[in-house]
Amino acid sequence: MTYTLADILQNTSYDLNIFNAEEIAALEIYDKKGKPYIKDFADKKERPAKPEEIVRQLYIYRLLNTYKYPPSRIAIEHGVQMGHDIHDKRADIVIFDKDDPKAAYIIIEVKKPKRKDGVEQLKSYCTSTGAVAAVWTNGGAEVIMRREQTYHGATTYVELSDIPRADQTMRDVIGQRVTIDELERRNKLVTEKTTLTEIIKDLENLVLANAGVDAFEEIFKLVYAKLYDEYRASNGEKEKDRYVEFRADSESDTQIYDRISQLFEDAKDEWKGAFLKGEKIDLPPEALRTCVSFLQDVKLFNSNLHVIDDAFEYLSVEVAKGNKGQYFTPRPIIDMCVKMLDPKPTEYVIDTAAGSCGFTFHTIFHVWGGELTAKGPTQKQRDYASKYVYGLDFDARSVKIAKALNLIAGDGRTNVFRVNTLAPHTWGEEERVALRRMLREFDSAPQNKDNREKLRDFDFDVVMTNPPFAGDVSDGRILAQYELAKGWKGVDIESLTDEAEREKYRDSWSRLIFQEAGKRPDRASRDILFVERNLQFLKPGGRMAIVLPQGRFNNVSDARLRSYIAEHARILAVVGLHGNSFKPHTGTKTSVLFLQKWQDNPKDKNYCPRVNDYPIFFAVNSEPVKDNSGDYIHYMDENGQNLLDLYGHEIVSHDLYDVRVVLKNQMSKKREALKSEPAALVLLEDHYKKLLETLPQRQTIAEAFREFALKHKFSFIEEDEN
């Protein structure tokens, strides 16, 4: 029989991402009595070619051929006594010390395919054997840890970028200096296809759970410092200025703490506004060293900073959002909304329940027509980000993330404010001053005065938001400001006996009208109030995308909400999202509602005349962005490997918008950037061609909506120039 690696690894947690083509080609799988076998590279024994054995043999091949360890220093299935346990464990691979053939030097573990289990196994092996370092890998990711003693005698573990070759010492590896270009090549997020979230989970297990600090705050500070370090090194003109400083090298814990703390201070000076004066890194020096070692070979600056956003969703969502029914919106859904509403360079955009500002952040990229680089934005891009984009949220941590990301992307002033969007009477002076310039101007002086005091009606061109679903608002001062908080009763027009009243509703789009029903209820659903509030933020002709529970579109009890929406805006589209979209946090079925506020002035560029009968675009997201466990689903090649776009990011599978168009735009920018590097451009062109051949052809929602919008002459959709 013939066996392929894809067949053997199928439906397992093992992968081959960390190995190169030469290493994989060295494997020889053969049939023995109807089962796949492989010969051990070190001891030449025949072994069943199980997934973990495939990974182990590839690692042995690397030890022999790349690291040049002789077979005499390598043992397979070596016994390891665990404390007083008379039943020895067996380590997958042991490299013995050069000067003491009986002493374990480095231990490699492949039997535990789950990262957390593997790391725990490594710690126990190191403790029992006294090994200096240990490696865990499942072939898809790799963790290399070095055991150290702190100044007070405790054992700690730091991550290494690599293990030493046979002719090197451990200090040779630890003391290596790295440039920003080398960091790009080492970036574990690409080479191992891991995530920042997974690395943070490692840190929680090793350090943060027992460090006596707020994990969110301390990781946030380190990420801020590391982003600044990459930004600084990327802009260094001389080679000596292009070395990164965010590393846990051979210096003492205190020296490393001082160096990283200085990076944090410099980051606060460069990007003011995310941290308060006097905030400092609170991790103990030995804990900081471990955290830095795990983060040092990750490159955080990428085309849209989604790496960081995903990590902070993990850190903050359970505490900061989960109990309020608000969850970070998956970025492909955000991009679909942005593409469908197509914000322009001179249009003002706001997210009134901003979270980490995904909607506004991706609006910035859409308007720029490009991606973020570590060199920062141009002046034109900086001006747009600081003038036209706003975000509001009541959660302190979300606002902190949003401010940081907007400061870095916009490299200037950020219009992100911590306020209760539904309660403008509680806003502070800073927020009032900043948002007052966006208030709508009325012809009536008393009306203008009232609006300035109540901060009710604004003139934003675009609102995109995912408001919190759970919980009711019961504060009477807030409820008094909203029509939808009143009690309403439905009345059939045909049942009206007064002819004058019937005539008033003759042109109504529905037979059902609503009249106030006496006493105001003592509570109202939060998301319903957000619908009304968002319409207040929109100027006439302005447009909106809002994520709502599916029930709002069909529950009998929500008829008044639907009637209110139809009175104030044209329904452009409804996109039903897959039930996995917000997993693992919630399986609530949701849809995105797209609106354009009525604007009857034919001379206005946002002309949207009030009509009773019009077509609406309906679509269903049938290709989910996440699986049942809440993990993103990625496009894969024929070998089961995740496909990477031209920036090295995994491509999420979905039908929300055309990934091919995104790749085409990326390729256009890469051609410009690589004019002086023809060899690199040829390789990239080949990768681009293979991607287009591999990706399936799908009908996608954003592109279908664009065709619909052009057909029906929506004012905000323009024909392509070409």
Foldseek 3Di string as FASTA:
>chain_A
DDDDPLVQCPPHLFDALQADPVLLVPWDWDDDPRFTWTAAPQPRDIDGPHLLVSVLSSVVVCLCPVLNDHSLQKDAQCFFDQPPDPDTGGFGIFGADPVDSVATAETEHQPDSDPVVQVVVQVRRCVRRVHQWYWYHSNLAIWIWGWDAAPVGDIAIATFLDCHRPPDDRQVRQADWDFLVRLLVSARCQSRVDAPQVLLVVLCVGPDVPQPDQSLVQVVLLVLLQLQQSLQLVPDPDPVRRIGLLALGPDHLVVNQVSSQVSSVVSCVQQPDLDDPPDTRPGDSVSSSRSSRSCVSHDQDFFQSVRVVVNSQVSPCVPQPLVQQDHDFPLLLLLLVCLQLVDELPFAEEEEAQQLNSNQSVNLCSHVLTTADSNADDPSSLVSLQPRYAYEHQGSSSLSNNSSSSCRRSSDHHRYDRDNLLQVQPDDPVNLVVQLVFADDDPDPVVNVVCSNRVQAGAGQEYEYEDRFDDKDQPPVSLVVDPVQFAKDKDFLVPDPDPVVSVVCVQPLDRIDIDTDPDGDRIDTPVLSVVVRVLRRHDQLHKYKYKDFPCCVPPPVNPVSVVVQLVFWDWAEKEWEQQLRRPPSGSGTIIITMTTGADCDPVDLSHDHRDSDDDHYYYYWPWHQADPRSHGAFQAAPSRHFQAALRSHGHGDTQADDVLVVNVSVLVVVCVVCVVPVVVNVVSVVSNVVVVVRDDDDHHDSVVSLVVCVVVVRSSRDDDPD
